[in-house]
Amino acid sequence: MMLCPVDLFVPPYPMETFIDDIAELAIYMVPPAIGYMLWRIFVTNRMNPRGNVCVLGISETSATPAEMYGRRISCWTFGLYVLTGLVTLKLGLLAFDFYYYVVALLE
């Protein structure tokens, strides 16, 4: 079973093209990212009616979830998170290998 095969006949990606692509991506992504950051700081960083929880935690009076609920994540929940991540990774690798298997089969 192959894990991330590399096709040696693909020409190398030039550094100039990569830099141009990153610059164009920055033109499209930086203004919305700044706008979203400012929105989170100035609009949603207000006290919610449920328990006076500050969304970003910038205020000194905001309580953390551990302070509010007095508990931490259980070992079973953490284990379930890790197991879900590993299964998702394995399924992704399996789908990747299956795709290249079908492509090789159809050639």
N, C-alpha and C. Protein backbone atom coordinates (compact mmCIF):
# COMPACT_ATOMS: atom_id res chain seq x y z
N MET A 1 0.85 -1.18 0.00
CA MET A 1 0.00 0.00 0.00
C MET A 1 0.89 1.24 0.00
N MET A 2 0.65 2.14 -0.92
CA MET A 2 1.51 3.32 -1.02
C MET A 2 0.96 4.45 -0.16
N LEU A 3 1.86 5.15 0.50
CA LEU A 3 1.49 6.30 1.30
C LEU A 3 2.07 7.55 0.65
N CYS A 4 1.25 8.31 0.00
CA CYS A 4 1.64 9.56 -0.63
C CYS A 4 2.73 9.35 -1.69
N PRO A 5 2.37 8.72 -2.78
CA PRO A 5 3.36 8.50 -3.83
C PRO A 5 3.75 9.81 -4.51
N VAL A 6 4.96 9.86 -5.01
CA VAL A 6 5.47 11.06 -5.68
C VAL A 6 5.73 10.71 -7.14
N ASP A 7 5.15 11.52 -8.02
CA ASP A 7 5.38 11.32 -9.44
C ASP A 7 6.66 12.07 -9.82
N LEU A 8 7.66 11.36 -10.26
CA LEU A 8 8.95 11.97 -10.53
C LEU A 8 8.98 12.72 -11.85
N PHE A 9 7.93 12.60 -12.66
CA PHE A 9 7.91 13.25 -13.96
C PHE A 9 7.22 14.60 -13.95
N VAL A 10 6.79 15.07 -12.78
CA VAL A 10 6.18 16.39 -12.66
C VAL A 10 7.30 17.42 -12.61
N PRO A 11 7.24 18.46 -13.45
CA PRO A 11 8.32 19.46 -13.42
C PRO A 11 8.30 20.23 -12.10
N PRO A 12 9.45 20.70 -11.64
CA PRO A 12 9.50 21.42 -10.37
C PRO A 12 8.73 22.74 -10.44
N TYR A 13 8.19 23.13 -9.30
CA TYR A 13 7.42 24.36 -9.20
C TYR A 13 8.38 25.51 -8.97
N PRO A 14 8.47 26.47 -9.91
CA PRO A 14 9.47 27.55 -9.77
C PRO A 14 9.18 28.45 -8.56
N MET A 15 10.23 28.90 -7.91
CA MET A 15 10.08 29.73 -6.72
C MET A 15 9.41 31.07 -7.06
N GLU A 16 9.70 31.62 -8.23
CA GLU A 16 9.09 32.90 -8.63
C GLU A 16 7.57 32.76 -8.75
N THR A 17 7.13 31.66 -9.32
CA THR A 17 5.69 31.42 -9.44
C THR A 17 5.05 31.25 -8.07
N PHE A 18 5.74 30.54 -7.17
CA PHE A 18 5.23 30.36 -5.82
C PHE A 18 5.08 31.70 -5.10
N ILE A 19 6.08 32.56 -5.20
CA ILE A 19 6.03 33.86 -4.55
C ILE A 19 4.91 34.71 -5.14
N ASP A 20 4.74 34.67 -6.46
CA ASP A 20 3.65 35.41 -7.09
C ASP A 20 2.29 34.90 -6.62
N ASP A 21 2.15 33.59 -6.48
CA ASP A 21 0.89 33.02 -6.02
C ASP A 21 0.60 33.42 -4.57
N ILE A 22 1.61 33.40 -3.72
CA ILE A 22 1.42 33.78 -2.33
C ILE A 22 1.07 35.26 -2.22
N ALA A 23 1.69 36.11 -3.05
CA ALA A 23 1.39 37.54 -3.02
C ALA A 23 -0.05 37.78 -3.45
N GLU A 24 -0.51 37.06 -4.46
CA GLU A 24 -1.90 37.23 -4.89
C GLU A 24 -2.88 36.71 -3.84
N LEU A 25 -2.53 35.62 -3.18
CA LEU A 25 -3.37 35.10 -2.10
C LEU A 25 -3.45 36.10 -0.95
N ALA A 26 -2.33 36.74 -0.64
CA ALA A 26 -2.31 37.72 0.45
C ALA A 26 -3.20 38.92 0.11
N ILE A 27 -3.23 39.32 -1.16
CA ILE A 27 -4.08 40.44 -1.55
C ILE A 27 -5.55 40.13 -1.27
N TYR A 28 -5.93 38.88 -1.50
CA TYR A 28 -7.33 38.50 -1.29
C TYR A 28 -7.65 38.13 0.16
N MET A 29 -6.69 37.64 0.93
CA MET A 29 -6.99 37.11 2.24
C MET A 29 -6.67 38.04 3.42
N VAL A 30 -5.72 38.94 3.27
CA VAL A 30 -5.34 39.78 4.41
C VAL A 30 -6.45 40.76 4.80
N PRO A 31 -7.08 41.51 3.87
CA PRO A 31 -8.15 42.42 4.30
C PRO A 31 -9.32 41.73 5.01
N PRO A 32 -9.84 40.59 4.50
CA PRO A 32 -10.90 39.94 5.27
C PRO A 32 -10.43 39.43 6.63
N ALA A 33 -9.18 38.99 6.72
CA ALA A 33 -8.67 38.52 8.01
C ALA A 33 -8.58 39.66 9.01
N ILE A 34 -8.13 40.82 8.56
CA ILE A 34 -8.07 41.99 9.45
C ILE A 34 -9.47 42.41 9.86
N GLY A 35 -10.39 42.42 8.90
CA GLY A 35 -11.78 42.78 9.22
C GLY A 35 -12.39 41.82 10.22
N TYR A 36 -12.16 40.52 10.04
CA TYR A 36 -12.69 39.53 10.97
C TYR A 36 -12.08 39.70 12.36
N MET A 37 -10.79 39.97 12.42
CA MET A 37 -10.13 40.16 13.71
C MET A 37 -10.71 41.38 14.43
N LEU A 38 -10.89 42.48 13.71
CA LEU A 38 -11.45 43.68 14.32
C LEU A 38 -12.89 43.45 14.76
N TRP A 39 -13.65 42.69 13.97
CA TRP A 39 -15.03 42.36 14.34
C TRP A 39 -15.05 41.57 15.64
N ARG A 40 -14.16 40.58 15.76
CA ARG A 40 -14.13 39.78 16.98
C ARG A 40 -13.72 40.61 18.20
N ILE A 41 -12.82 41.56 18.01
CA ILE A 41 -12.36 42.36 19.14
C ILE A 41 -13.40 43.39 19.56
N PHE A 42 -13.96 44.13 18.60
CA PHE A 42 -14.81 45.27 18.95
C PHE A 42 -16.30 44.96 18.99
N VAL A 43 -16.75 43.90 18.35
CA VAL A 43 -18.19 43.62 18.32
C VAL A 43 -18.55 42.44 19.20
N THR A 44 -17.90 41.31 19.00
CA THR A 44 -18.30 40.14 19.77
C THR A 44 -17.57 40.01 21.10
N ASN A 45 -16.67 40.90 21.42
CA ASN A 45 -16.00 40.86 22.72
C ASN A 45 -16.84 41.62 23.74
N ARG A 46 -18.07 41.26 23.83
CA ARG A 46 -18.98 41.85 24.80
C ARG A 46 -19.46 40.76 25.74
N MET A 47 -19.95 41.15 26.87
CA MET A 47 -20.45 40.16 27.83
C MET A 47 -21.75 39.57 27.30
N ASN A 48 -21.82 38.26 27.29
CA ASN A 48 -23.03 37.57 26.88
C ASN A 48 -23.99 37.51 28.04
N PRO A 49 -25.28 37.41 27.77
CA PRO A 49 -26.23 37.33 28.88
C PRO A 49 -26.12 36.02 29.67
N ARG A 50 -25.57 34.97 29.06
CA ARG A 50 -25.47 33.68 29.76
C ARG A 50 -24.21 33.64 30.59
N GLY A 51 -24.27 33.91 31.83
CA GLY A 51 -23.14 33.74 32.73
C GLY A 51 -22.07 34.81 32.63
N ASN A 52 -22.32 35.90 31.92
CA ASN A 52 -21.36 36.98 31.76
C ASN A 52 -20.01 36.47 31.29
N VAL A 53 -20.00 35.71 30.21
CA VAL A 53 -18.78 35.14 29.67
C VAL A 53 -18.28 36.03 28.55
N CYS A 54 -17.03 36.44 28.64
CA CYS A 54 -16.42 37.24 27.59
C CYS A 54 -15.93 36.30 26.50
N VAL A 55 -16.25 36.60 25.25
CA VAL A 55 -15.97 35.66 24.16
C VAL A 55 -14.48 35.46 23.98
N LEU A 56 -13.71 36.52 23.90
CA LEU A 56 -12.28 36.38 23.66
C LEU A 56 -11.46 36.26 24.94
N GLY A 57 -12.04 36.61 26.07
CA GLY A 57 -11.32 36.53 27.32
C GLY A 57 -10.34 37.66 27.53
N ILE A 58 -10.55 38.80 26.86
CA ILE A 58 -9.64 39.93 27.01
C ILE A 58 -9.88 40.66 28.33
N SER A 59 -11.14 40.69 28.74
CA SER A 59 -11.48 41.38 29.97
C SER A 59 -10.96 40.60 31.17
N GLU A 60 -10.50 41.31 32.20
CA GLU A 60 -9.97 40.65 33.39
C GLU A 60 -11.08 39.99 34.21
N THR A 61 -12.32 40.42 34.02
CA THR A 61 -13.41 39.88 34.81
C THR A 61 -14.03 38.64 34.17
N SER A 62 -13.58 38.26 32.98
CA SER A 62 -14.18 37.11 32.32
C SER A 62 -13.67 35.82 32.95
N ALA A 63 -14.58 34.90 33.18
CA ALA A 63 -14.22 33.63 33.78
C ALA A 63 -13.92 32.61 32.69
N THR A 64 -12.97 31.76 32.96
CA THR A 64 -12.67 30.68 32.03
C THR A 64 -13.69 29.56 32.23
N PRO A 65 -13.84 28.67 31.26
CA PRO A 65 -14.79 27.56 31.46
C PRO A 65 -14.47 26.70 32.70
N ALA A 66 -13.18 26.52 33.00
CA ALA A 66 -12.82 25.75 34.20
C ALA A 66 -13.27 26.47 35.47
N GLU A 67 -13.18 27.80 35.48
CA GLU A 67 -13.64 28.55 36.64
C GLU A 67 -15.16 28.53 36.75
N MET A 68 -15.83 28.55 35.60
CA MET A 68 -17.29 28.57 35.62
C MET A 68 -17.88 27.22 35.99
N TYR A 69 -17.37 26.16 35.40
CA TYR A 69 -17.98 24.85 35.57
C TYR A 69 -17.21 23.96 36.54
N GLY A 70 -16.00 24.33 36.88
CA GLY A 70 -15.25 23.60 37.88
C GLY A 70 -14.83 22.21 37.45
N ARG A 71 -14.65 21.97 36.18
CA ARG A 71 -14.21 20.65 35.75
C ARG A 71 -13.34 20.79 34.51
N ARG A 72 -12.63 19.74 34.21
CA ARG A 72 -11.80 19.72 33.02
C ARG A 72 -12.29 18.61 32.11
N ILE A 73 -11.65 18.47 30.96
CA ILE A 73 -12.05 17.44 30.01
C ILE A 73 -11.70 16.07 30.59
N SER A 74 -12.63 15.13 30.45
CA SER A 74 -12.39 13.80 31.01
C SER A 74 -11.43 13.02 30.12
N CYS A 75 -10.85 11.99 30.70
CA CYS A 75 -9.91 11.14 29.94
C CYS A 75 -10.63 10.43 28.81
N TRP A 76 -11.87 10.04 29.02
CA TRP A 76 -12.63 9.35 27.99
C TRP A 76 -12.92 10.26 26.81
N THR A 77 -13.27 11.51 27.09
CA THR A 77 -13.54 12.46 26.01
C THR A 77 -12.26 12.75 25.24
N PHE A 78 -11.17 12.94 25.94
CA PHE A 78 -9.89 13.19 25.27
C PHE A 78 -9.49 12.00 24.41
N GLY A 79 -9.66 10.80 24.94
CA GLY A 79 -9.36 9.60 24.17
C GLY A 79 -10.23 9.49 22.92
N LEU A 80 -11.49 9.85 23.06
CA LEU A 80 -12.39 9.84 21.90
C LEU A 80 -11.95 10.85 20.85
N TYR A 81 -11.50 12.02 21.28
CA TYR A 81 -10.98 13.02 20.33
C TYR A 81 -9.76 12.48 19.58
N VAL A 82 -8.84 11.87 20.30
CA VAL A 82 -7.63 11.32 19.68
C VAL A 82 -8.00 10.20 18.72
N LEU A 83 -8.88 9.31 19.14
CA LEU A 83 -9.30 8.21 18.28
C LEU A 83 -9.99 8.71 17.02
N THR A 84 -10.85 9.71 17.16
CA THR A 84 -11.52 10.28 15.99
C THR A 84 -10.52 10.90 15.03
N GLY A 85 -9.53 11.59 15.56
CA GLY A 85 -8.50 12.18 14.70
C GLY A 85 -7.70 11.13 13.95
N LEU A 86 -7.33 10.05 14.64
CA LEU A 86 -6.57 8.99 13.99
C LEU A 86 -7.39 8.27 12.92
N VAL A 87 -8.66 8.01 13.21
CA VAL A 87 -9.52 7.36 12.22
C VAL A 87 -9.70 8.26 11.01
N THR A 88 -9.89 9.54 11.23
CA THR A 88 -10.03 10.48 10.12
C THR A 88 -8.78 10.52 9.27
N LEU A 89 -7.60 10.53 9.90
CA LEU A 89 -6.34 10.52 9.16
C LEU A 89 -6.21 9.25 8.33
N LYS A 90 -6.51 8.09 8.94
CA LYS A 90 -6.40 6.83 8.22
C LYS A 90 -7.37 6.77 7.05
N LEU A 91 -8.60 7.26 7.23
CA LEU A 91 -9.56 7.27 6.12
C LEU A 91 -9.11 8.19 5.00
N GLY A 92 -8.50 9.31 5.35
CA GLY A 92 -7.97 10.21 4.32
C GLY A 92 -6.85 9.56 3.53
N LEU A 93 -5.94 8.88 4.23
CA LEU A 93 -4.86 8.19 3.53
C LEU A 93 -5.39 7.05 2.67
N LEU A 94 -6.40 6.35 3.17
CA LEU A 94 -7.01 5.27 2.39
C LEU A 94 -7.68 5.82 1.13
N ALA A 95 -8.39 6.94 1.24
CA ALA A 95 -9.01 7.55 0.07
C ALA A 95 -7.96 8.00 -0.93
N PHE A 96 -6.86 8.55 -0.44
CA PHE A 96 -5.77 8.99 -1.31
C PHE A 96 -5.18 7.81 -2.07
N ASP A 97 -4.90 6.73 -1.35
CA ASP A 97 -4.34 5.54 -1.99
C ASP A 97 -5.33 4.92 -2.97
N PHE A 98 -6.61 4.91 -2.61
CA PHE A 98 -7.62 4.35 -3.49
C PHE A 98 -7.73 5.15 -4.78
N TYR A 99 -7.64 6.47 -4.68
CA TYR A 99 -7.70 7.31 -5.87
C TYR A 99 -6.56 6.98 -6.84
N TYR A 100 -5.34 6.91 -6.31
CA TYR A 100 -4.20 6.60 -7.17
C TYR A 100 -4.24 5.16 -7.68
N TYR A 101 -4.83 4.25 -6.92
CA TYR A 101 -5.01 2.88 -7.38
C TYR A 101 -5.96 2.84 -8.58
N VAL A 102 -7.07 3.57 -8.49
CA VAL A 102 -8.04 3.61 -9.59
C VAL A 102 -7.43 4.29 -10.80
N VAL A 103 -6.68 5.36 -10.61
CA VAL A 103 -6.04 6.03 -11.73
C VAL A 103 -5.05 5.09 -12.42
N ALA A 104 -4.26 4.37 -11.65
CA ALA A 104 -3.31 3.42 -12.24
C ALA A 104 -4.02 2.27 -12.92
N LEU A 105 -5.15 1.87 -12.39
CA LEU A 105 -5.92 0.77 -12.96
C LEU A 105 -6.54 1.17 -14.30
N LEU A 106 -6.97 2.44 -14.40
CA LEU A 106 -7.62 2.89 -15.63
C LEU A 106 -6.64 3.28 -16.74
N GLU A 107 -5.39 3.42 -16.42
CA GLU A 107 -4.40 3.81 -17.44
C GLU A 107 -4.03 2.67 -18.35
